[in-house]
N, C-alpha and C. Protein backbone atom coordinates (compact mmCIF):
# COMPACT_ATOMS: atom_id res chain seq x y z
N MET A 1 0.84 -1.18 0.00
CA MET A 1 0.00 0.00 0.00
C MET A 1 0.88 1.24 0.00
N SER A 2 0.42 2.29 -0.63
CA SER A 2 1.20 3.52 -0.71
C SER A 2 1.21 4.23 0.64
N GLY A 3 1.88 5.38 0.66
CA GLY A 3 1.97 6.14 1.89
C GLY A 3 0.71 6.92 2.21
N GLN A 4 -0.25 6.89 1.31
CA GLN A 4 -1.50 7.60 1.53
C GLN A 4 -2.49 6.72 2.27
N PRO A 5 -3.15 7.25 3.30
CA PRO A 5 -4.14 6.44 4.00
C PRO A 5 -5.37 6.18 3.13
N HIS A 6 -6.04 5.11 3.44
CA HIS A 6 -7.25 4.73 2.71
C HIS A 6 -8.31 5.83 2.87
N PRO A 7 -9.02 6.17 1.80
CA PRO A 7 -10.03 7.24 1.87
C PRO A 7 -11.11 7.00 2.94
N SER A 8 -11.46 5.77 3.20
CA SER A 8 -12.47 5.49 4.23
C SER A 8 -11.99 5.90 5.62
N VAL A 9 -10.71 5.71 5.87
CA VAL A 9 -10.15 6.08 7.18
C VAL A 9 -10.03 7.60 7.28
N VAL A 10 -9.67 8.23 6.17
CA VAL A 10 -9.62 9.70 6.15
C VAL A 10 -11.01 10.27 6.42
N ARG A 11 -12.02 9.70 5.78
CA ARG A 11 -13.41 10.14 5.99
C ARG A 11 -13.83 9.89 7.44
N ALA A 12 -13.46 8.74 8.00
CA ALA A 12 -13.80 8.41 9.39
C ALA A 12 -13.16 9.42 10.34
N LEU A 13 -11.95 9.86 10.04
CA LEU A 13 -11.29 10.88 10.87
C LEU A 13 -12.06 12.19 10.81
N ASP A 14 -12.49 12.59 9.62
CA ASP A 14 -13.29 13.80 9.48
C ASP A 14 -14.59 13.68 10.28
N LEU A 15 -15.24 12.54 10.18
CA LEU A 15 -16.47 12.32 10.94
C LEU A 15 -16.20 12.37 12.43
N SER A 16 -15.06 11.86 12.86
CA SER A 16 -14.70 11.89 14.28
C SER A 16 -14.53 13.31 14.78
N ARG A 17 -13.93 14.15 13.97
CA ARG A 17 -13.76 15.55 14.35
C ARG A 17 -15.12 16.24 14.46
N ARG A 18 -15.98 15.98 13.50
CA ARG A 18 -17.33 16.56 13.53
C ARG A 18 -18.13 16.02 14.71
N LEU A 19 -17.94 14.74 15.01
CA LEU A 19 -18.62 14.11 16.14
C LEU A 19 -18.21 14.79 17.45
N LEU A 20 -16.93 15.05 17.60
CA LEU A 20 -16.46 15.72 18.82
C LEU A 20 -17.06 17.13 18.93
N GLU A 21 -17.12 17.85 17.83
CA GLU A 21 -17.75 19.18 17.85
C GLU A 21 -19.22 19.07 18.28
N ALA A 22 -19.92 18.08 17.74
CA ALA A 22 -21.33 17.90 18.09
C ALA A 22 -21.47 17.52 19.56
N ALA A 23 -20.57 16.67 20.06
CA ALA A 23 -20.62 16.28 21.47
C ALA A 23 -20.38 17.49 22.37
N ARG A 24 -19.43 18.32 22.00
CA ARG A 24 -19.16 19.53 22.78
C ARG A 24 -20.35 20.48 22.78
N ALA A 25 -21.10 20.49 21.67
CA ALA A 25 -22.28 21.34 21.56
C ALA A 25 -23.51 20.71 22.20
N GLY A 26 -23.40 19.44 22.61
CA GLY A 26 -24.53 18.76 23.22
C GLY A 26 -25.55 18.26 22.22
N ASP A 27 -25.18 18.15 20.95
CA ASP A 27 -26.08 17.71 19.89
C ASP A 27 -25.99 16.19 19.74
N MET A 28 -26.72 15.48 20.59
CA MET A 28 -26.62 14.03 20.63
C MET A 28 -27.20 13.36 19.38
N THR A 29 -28.17 13.97 18.73
CA THR A 29 -28.71 13.40 17.50
C THR A 29 -27.62 13.34 16.43
N THR A 30 -26.88 14.43 16.29
CA THR A 30 -25.78 14.45 15.32
C THR A 30 -24.69 13.48 15.73
N VAL A 31 -24.39 13.39 17.02
CA VAL A 31 -23.38 12.45 17.51
C VAL A 31 -23.75 11.02 17.09
N ILE A 32 -25.01 10.66 17.30
CA ILE A 32 -25.46 9.30 16.97
C ILE A 32 -25.36 9.05 15.47
N ASP A 33 -25.80 10.03 14.68
CA ASP A 33 -25.75 9.87 13.22
C ASP A 33 -24.31 9.74 12.71
N LEU A 34 -23.43 10.61 13.19
CA LEU A 34 -22.04 10.57 12.76
C LEU A 34 -21.35 9.29 13.21
N ASP A 35 -21.65 8.84 14.42
CA ASP A 35 -21.05 7.61 14.93
C ASP A 35 -21.48 6.41 14.09
N ALA A 36 -22.73 6.38 13.70
CA ALA A 36 -23.22 5.27 12.87
C ALA A 36 -22.51 5.26 11.51
N GLU A 37 -22.41 6.43 10.91
CA GLU A 37 -21.74 6.52 9.61
C GLU A 37 -20.26 6.14 9.72
N ARG A 38 -19.62 6.64 10.75
CA ARG A 38 -18.20 6.34 10.97
C ARG A 38 -17.99 4.85 11.23
N GLY A 39 -18.86 4.28 12.04
CA GLY A 39 -18.75 2.85 12.34
C GLY A 39 -18.87 1.99 11.10
N GLN A 40 -19.81 2.35 10.24
CA GLN A 40 -19.99 1.60 8.99
C GLN A 40 -18.74 1.69 8.12
N LEU A 41 -18.20 2.88 7.97
CA LEU A 41 -16.98 3.07 7.18
C LEU A 41 -15.83 2.22 7.73
N LEU A 42 -15.65 2.28 9.04
CA LEU A 42 -14.52 1.54 9.63
C LEU A 42 -14.72 0.03 9.55
N ARG A 43 -15.95 -0.44 9.75
CA ARG A 43 -16.20 -1.88 9.62
C ARG A 43 -15.89 -2.36 8.21
N GLU A 44 -16.35 -1.60 7.21
CA GLU A 44 -16.08 -1.99 5.82
C GLU A 44 -14.59 -1.95 5.52
N PHE A 45 -13.91 -0.94 6.01
CA PHE A 45 -12.46 -0.85 5.80
C PHE A 45 -11.75 -2.05 6.43
N LEU A 46 -12.08 -2.34 7.68
CA LEU A 46 -11.39 -3.42 8.39
C LEU A 46 -11.66 -4.79 7.79
N LYS A 47 -12.84 -4.98 7.21
CA LYS A 47 -13.14 -6.25 6.52
C LYS A 47 -12.26 -6.44 5.30
N GLY A 48 -11.86 -5.34 4.67
CA GLY A 48 -11.15 -5.44 3.40
C GLY A 48 -9.64 -5.43 3.47
N VAL A 49 -9.07 -5.34 4.66
CA VAL A 49 -7.61 -5.30 4.75
C VAL A 49 -7.09 -6.45 5.62
N PRO A 50 -6.05 -7.14 5.14
CA PRO A 50 -5.47 -8.23 5.95
C PRO A 50 -4.70 -7.70 7.16
N ARG A 51 -4.08 -6.51 7.00
CA ARG A 51 -3.40 -5.88 8.12
C ARG A 51 -3.44 -4.37 7.93
N ILE A 52 -3.36 -3.66 9.02
CA ILE A 52 -3.48 -2.21 8.98
C ILE A 52 -2.10 -1.60 8.78
N ALA A 53 -1.97 -0.81 7.73
CA ALA A 53 -0.70 -0.17 7.42
C ALA A 53 -0.50 1.07 8.30
N LEU A 54 0.73 1.54 8.33
CA LEU A 54 1.08 2.69 9.18
C LEU A 54 0.24 3.94 8.92
N PRO A 55 0.00 4.32 7.66
CA PRO A 55 -0.83 5.54 7.48
C PRO A 55 -2.22 5.42 8.11
N GLU A 56 -2.83 4.26 7.97
CA GLU A 56 -4.15 4.05 8.58
C GLU A 56 -4.05 3.95 10.10
N ARG A 57 -3.02 3.28 10.59
CA ARG A 57 -2.84 3.13 12.03
C ARG A 57 -2.71 4.49 12.70
N THR A 58 -1.98 5.40 12.06
CA THR A 58 -1.81 6.75 12.60
C THR A 58 -3.16 7.45 12.69
N LEU A 59 -3.95 7.37 11.63
CA LEU A 59 -5.27 8.00 11.65
C LEU A 59 -6.20 7.32 12.64
N LEU A 60 -6.12 6.00 12.73
CA LEU A 60 -6.96 5.28 13.69
C LEU A 60 -6.61 5.67 15.12
N ASP A 61 -5.35 5.92 15.39
CA ASP A 61 -4.96 6.39 16.72
C ASP A 61 -5.58 7.76 17.00
N GLU A 62 -5.58 8.63 16.00
CA GLU A 62 -6.18 9.95 16.17
C GLU A 62 -7.69 9.83 16.35
N ILE A 63 -8.31 8.93 15.59
CA ILE A 63 -9.75 8.68 15.74
C ILE A 63 -10.04 8.22 17.17
N ASN A 64 -9.21 7.34 17.68
CA ASN A 64 -9.39 6.84 19.05
C ASN A 64 -9.29 7.97 20.06
N THR A 65 -8.33 8.85 19.88
CA THR A 65 -8.16 9.99 20.79
C THR A 65 -9.38 10.91 20.74
N LEU A 66 -9.85 11.20 19.53
CA LEU A 66 -11.04 12.03 19.37
C LEU A 66 -12.26 11.35 19.99
N ASN A 67 -12.35 10.04 19.82
CA ASN A 67 -13.47 9.28 20.37
C ASN A 67 -13.48 9.37 21.90
N GLU A 68 -12.31 9.23 22.51
CA GLU A 68 -12.22 9.34 23.97
C GLU A 68 -12.64 10.73 24.44
N ALA A 69 -12.23 11.76 23.71
CA ALA A 69 -12.62 13.12 24.07
C ALA A 69 -14.13 13.30 23.92
N GLY A 70 -14.70 12.74 22.87
CA GLY A 70 -16.14 12.80 22.68
C GLY A 70 -16.90 12.10 23.79
N LEU A 71 -16.41 10.93 24.16
CA LEU A 71 -17.05 10.20 25.26
C LEU A 71 -16.98 10.98 26.56
N ALA A 72 -15.86 11.65 26.79
CA ALA A 72 -15.73 12.47 28.00
C ALA A 72 -16.74 13.61 27.98
N CYS A 73 -16.95 14.22 26.83
CA CYS A 73 -17.95 15.30 26.71
C CYS A 73 -19.35 14.76 26.98
N ILE A 74 -19.64 13.61 26.42
CA ILE A 74 -20.96 13.01 26.60
C ILE A 74 -21.19 12.66 28.07
N GLU A 75 -20.17 12.12 28.72
CA GLU A 75 -20.29 11.77 30.14
C GLU A 75 -20.49 13.02 30.99
N ALA A 76 -19.76 14.07 30.67
CA ALA A 76 -19.94 15.33 31.42
C ALA A 76 -21.35 15.86 31.23
N ARG A 77 -21.85 15.79 30.01
CA ARG A 77 -23.23 16.24 29.74
C ARG A 77 -24.23 15.37 30.49
N ARG A 78 -24.00 14.06 30.54
CA ARG A 78 -24.89 13.16 31.26
C ARG A 78 -24.93 13.52 32.75
N ARG A 79 -23.77 13.79 33.33
CA ARG A 79 -23.72 14.18 34.74
C ARG A 79 -24.45 15.50 34.97
N GLU A 80 -24.28 16.44 34.04
CA GLU A 80 -24.95 17.73 34.15
C GLU A 80 -26.47 17.56 34.10
N VAL A 81 -26.95 16.75 33.18
CA VAL A 81 -28.40 16.51 33.07
C VAL A 81 -28.90 15.81 34.33
N ALA A 82 -28.16 14.82 34.82
CA ALA A 82 -28.56 14.12 36.03
C ALA A 82 -28.65 15.08 37.21
N GLN A 83 -27.70 16.00 37.32
CA GLN A 83 -27.72 17.00 38.40
C GLN A 83 -28.92 17.93 38.26
N ASN A 84 -29.21 18.34 37.03
CA ASN A 84 -30.37 19.21 36.80
C ASN A 84 -31.67 18.50 37.17
N LEU A 85 -31.78 17.23 36.81
CA LEU A 85 -32.97 16.47 37.17
C LEU A 85 -33.10 16.33 38.69
N SER A 86 -31.99 16.11 39.35
CA SER A 86 -31.99 16.02 40.80
C SER A 86 -32.43 17.34 41.42
N ASP A 87 -31.95 18.44 40.87
CA ASP A 87 -32.34 19.76 41.37
C ASP A 87 -33.84 20.00 41.18
N VAL A 88 -34.37 19.59 40.04
CA VAL A 88 -35.81 19.75 39.78
C VAL A 88 -36.62 18.92 40.77
N ARG A 89 -36.20 17.68 41.00
CA ARG A 89 -36.92 16.83 41.98
C ARG A 89 -36.88 17.45 43.37
N ARG A 90 -35.72 17.96 43.76
CA ARG A 90 -35.58 18.58 45.07
C ARG A 90 -36.50 19.81 45.16
N GLY A 91 -36.55 20.60 44.10
CA GLY A 91 -37.42 21.77 44.08
C GLY A 91 -38.89 21.40 44.18
N ARG A 92 -39.27 20.35 43.47
CA ARG A 92 -40.67 19.90 43.53
C ARG A 92 -41.04 19.42 44.93
N ARG A 93 -40.12 18.69 45.56
CA ARG A 93 -40.38 18.24 46.94
C ARG A 93 -40.53 19.43 47.87
N ALA A 94 -39.69 20.46 47.69
CA ALA A 94 -39.76 21.65 48.53
C ALA A 94 -41.08 22.38 48.32
N ILE A 95 -41.50 22.49 47.08
CA ILE A 95 -42.78 23.15 46.78
C ILE A 95 -43.93 22.36 47.41
N HIS A 96 -43.87 21.06 47.28
CA HIS A 96 -44.93 20.21 47.85
C HIS A 96 -44.96 20.37 49.37
N ALA A 97 -43.79 20.35 50.00
CA ALA A 97 -43.74 20.49 51.46
C ALA A 97 -44.24 21.87 51.87
N TYR A 98 -43.85 22.91 51.16
CA TYR A 98 -44.30 24.26 51.47
C TYR A 98 -45.82 24.37 51.31
N SER A 99 -46.32 23.78 50.22
CA SER A 99 -47.78 23.80 49.98
C SER A 99 -48.53 23.09 51.09
N ALA A 100 -47.99 21.98 51.55
CA ALA A 100 -48.63 21.23 52.62
C ALA A 100 -48.67 22.05 53.91
N VAL A 101 -47.55 22.74 54.22
CA VAL A 101 -47.49 23.57 55.42
C VAL A 101 -48.45 24.76 55.29
N GLN A 102 -48.44 25.41 54.16
CA GLN A 102 -49.31 26.56 53.93
C GLN A 102 -50.79 26.15 53.94
N GLY A 103 -51.08 24.99 53.41
CA GLY A 103 -52.46 24.50 53.38
C GLY A 103 -52.97 24.19 54.76
N GLY A 104 -52.10 23.81 55.67
CA GLY A 104 -52.49 23.49 57.05
C GLY A 104 -52.71 24.70 57.89
N ARG A 105 -52.31 25.88 57.46
CA ARG A 105 -52.44 27.11 58.24
C ARG A 105 -53.77 27.82 58.01
N ASP A 106 -54.54 27.38 57.09
CA ASP A 106 -55.82 28.08 56.79
C ASP A 106 -56.83 27.88 57.86
């Protein structure tokens, strides 16, 4: 194989960069769509090669790094949403308790 990486791996790297941007923006629909497209490209590429050459290995390492960063963004977003939901539940309980106390004073 030449020194040029396979076009599918180059495309997968581009998708990985876009996926990370979407994850940072909290756009999970785009993350899911890009991940599916990237996964399909990489599966097809890996089926067609007996061994991974250095140009592809280098890009795959970068894809892996971007993927880890994307997962970290998604996990941070998940924790943020979980905290917000917890805050809402706590607020609802406080409102309910306040309403019960106020209702008993009439």
